[in-house]
Amino acid sequence: MEILYLLAKSKFRSRFKLCSKELEYIKDKGMDKIHSHACDFIRDRVAPANPKNDGKQTPMHGHPVFIAQHATATCCRGCIEKWHKFPQHRELTKTEQEYLVSIIMEWIKRQIS
């Protein structure tokens, strides 16, 4: 995924890493559950046309998907527009949501390898 290469070159995005607490959480829950969480977070927190608290809706810690969202610029509609070119102020399509989840999951898989 070329976008992950580009994101890794960003000083801000490249500083996000999963620590032992998040890695243990992934091990305990399994990748299917993490994928489910990523789908829920994207659908509920960023997919609406005008998400509640946009720009502040994704915590910087507390869940591996949150960290992955910041690392992959899928944390808010401004970052999504800048990095992934999906315009703000319209609901994300199911295909766009699936794309964002795939980027998050690929980043997580690379972190646990």
Protein backbone atom coordinates (compact mmCIF):
# COMPACT_ATOMS: atom_id res chain seq x y z
CA MET A 1 0.00 0.00 0.00
CA GLU A 2 1.71 3.13 -1.22
CA ILE A 3 -0.23 5.33 1.20
CA LEU A 4 1.49 3.61 4.15
CA TYR A 5 4.85 4.43 2.62
CA LEU A 6 3.84 8.10 2.29
CA LEU A 7 2.45 8.22 5.82
CA ALA A 8 5.66 6.68 7.19
CA LYS A 9 7.57 9.65 5.75
CA SER A 10 5.46 12.08 7.82
CA LYS A 11 7.24 13.11 11.01
CA PHE A 12 3.93 13.28 12.89
CA ARG A 13 2.37 10.05 11.54
CA SER A 14 5.55 7.97 11.88
CA ARG A 15 5.79 8.59 15.62
CA PHE A 16 2.79 6.37 16.35
CA LYS A 17 3.67 2.83 17.41
CA LEU A 18 1.85 0.09 19.28
CA CYS A 19 3.33 -0.58 22.71
CA SER A 20 3.23 -3.82 24.69
CA LYS A 21 -0.17 -2.96 26.22
CA GLU A 22 -1.81 -2.62 22.79
CA LEU A 23 0.00 -5.67 21.41
CA GLU A 24 -1.25 -7.72 24.36
CA TYR A 25 -4.78 -6.43 23.76
CA ILE A 26 -4.59 -7.56 20.12
CA LYS A 27 -3.27 -10.96 21.19
CA ASP A 28 -6.08 -11.36 23.73
CA LYS A 29 -8.92 -10.19 21.47
CA GLY A 30 -7.70 -11.52 18.12
CA MET A 31 -7.52 -9.80 14.76
CA ASP A 32 -11.17 -10.47 13.90
CA LYS A 33 -12.29 -8.47 16.94
CA ILE A 34 -9.81 -5.68 16.17
CA HIS A 35 -11.18 -5.56 12.60
CA SER A 36 -14.70 -5.34 14.00
CA HIS A 37 -13.66 -2.46 16.27
CA ALA A 38 -12.03 -0.65 13.34
CA CYS A 39 -15.23 -0.99 11.29
CA ASP A 40 -17.31 0.33 14.19
CA PHE A 41 -14.99 3.29 14.87
CA ILE A 42 -14.84 4.32 11.22
CA ARG A 43 -18.60 3.92 10.74
CA ASP A 44 -19.59 5.70 13.94
CA ARG A 45 -16.85 8.30 14.42
CA VAL A 46 -15.74 9.46 10.96
CA ALA A 47 -18.15 8.23 8.28
CA PRO A 48 -21.00 10.69 8.97
CA ALA A 49 -21.05 13.84 6.86
CA ASN A 50 -20.40 15.99 9.92
CA PRO A 51 -19.09 13.80 12.73
CA LYS A 52 -19.56 14.89 16.32
CA ASN A 53 -16.42 16.63 17.64
CA ASP A 54 -14.68 16.27 14.27
CA GLY A 55 -10.97 16.72 14.72
CA LYS A 56 -11.16 15.54 18.33
CA GLN A 57 -13.21 12.35 18.09
CA THR A 58 -10.30 9.89 18.09
CA PRO A 59 -8.31 9.55 21.31
CA MET A 60 -4.52 9.38 21.01
CA HIS A 61 -4.34 6.24 23.18
CA GLY A 62 -6.46 3.59 24.86
CA HIS A 63 -7.06 1.23 21.93
CA PRO A 64 -4.80 -0.10 19.17
CA VAL A 65 -7.24 1.09 16.49
CA PHE A 66 -7.12 4.66 17.83
CA ILE A 67 -3.34 4.68 17.53
CA ALA A 68 -3.58 3.15 14.06
CA GLN A 69 -6.09 5.81 13.02
CA HIS A 70 -3.62 8.57 13.87
CA ALA A 71 -0.76 6.71 12.17
CA THR A 72 -2.84 6.23 9.01
CA ALA A 73 -4.58 9.64 8.95
CA THR A 74 -8.00 8.05 9.36
CA CYS A 75 -8.69 9.84 12.65
CA CYS A 76 -10.86 12.74 11.43
CA ARG A 77 -12.41 14.07 8.25
CA GLY A 78 -9.73 16.74 7.80
CA CYS A 79 -6.94 14.15 7.83
CA ILE A 80 -8.97 11.81 5.64
CA GLU A 81 -9.47 14.56 3.08
CA LYS A 82 -5.83 15.61 3.14
CA TRP A 83 -4.31 12.12 2.89
CA HIS A 84 -7.00 9.96 1.28
CA LYS A 85 -8.82 12.61 -0.82
CA PHE A 86 -12.34 11.84 0.47
CA PRO A 87 -14.16 15.19 0.71
CA GLN A 88 -15.51 16.43 4.03
CA HIS A 89 -19.17 17.20 4.72
CA ARG A 90 -20.59 14.17 2.95
CA GLU A 91 -21.12 10.70 4.33
CA LEU A 92 -18.38 8.21 3.48
CA THR A 93 -19.52 5.40 1.23
CA LYS A 94 -19.30 1.79 2.35
CA THR A 95 -16.42 1.29 -0.11
CA GLU A 96 -14.55 4.28 1.34
CA GLN A 97 -15.10 2.98 4.86
CA GLU A 98 -13.79 -0.46 3.86
CA TYR A 99 -10.72 1.17 2.29
CA LEU A 100 -9.98 3.10 5.51
CA VAL A 101 -10.41 -0.04 7.61
CA SER A 102 -8.06 -1.95 5.27
CA ILE A 103 -5.37 0.71 5.75
CA ILE A 104 -5.79 0.57 9.54
CA MET A 105 -5.59 -3.23 9.57
CA GLU A 106 -2.55 -3.33 7.31
CA TRP A 107 -0.76 -0.85 9.58
CA ILE A 108 -1.62 -2.98 12.63
CA LYS A 109 -0.43 -6.16 10.90
CA ARG A 110 2.88 -4.48 10.14
CA GLN A 111 3.20 -3.41 13.77
CA ILE A 112 2.72 -6.94 15.08
CA SER A 113 5.09 -8.56 12.55
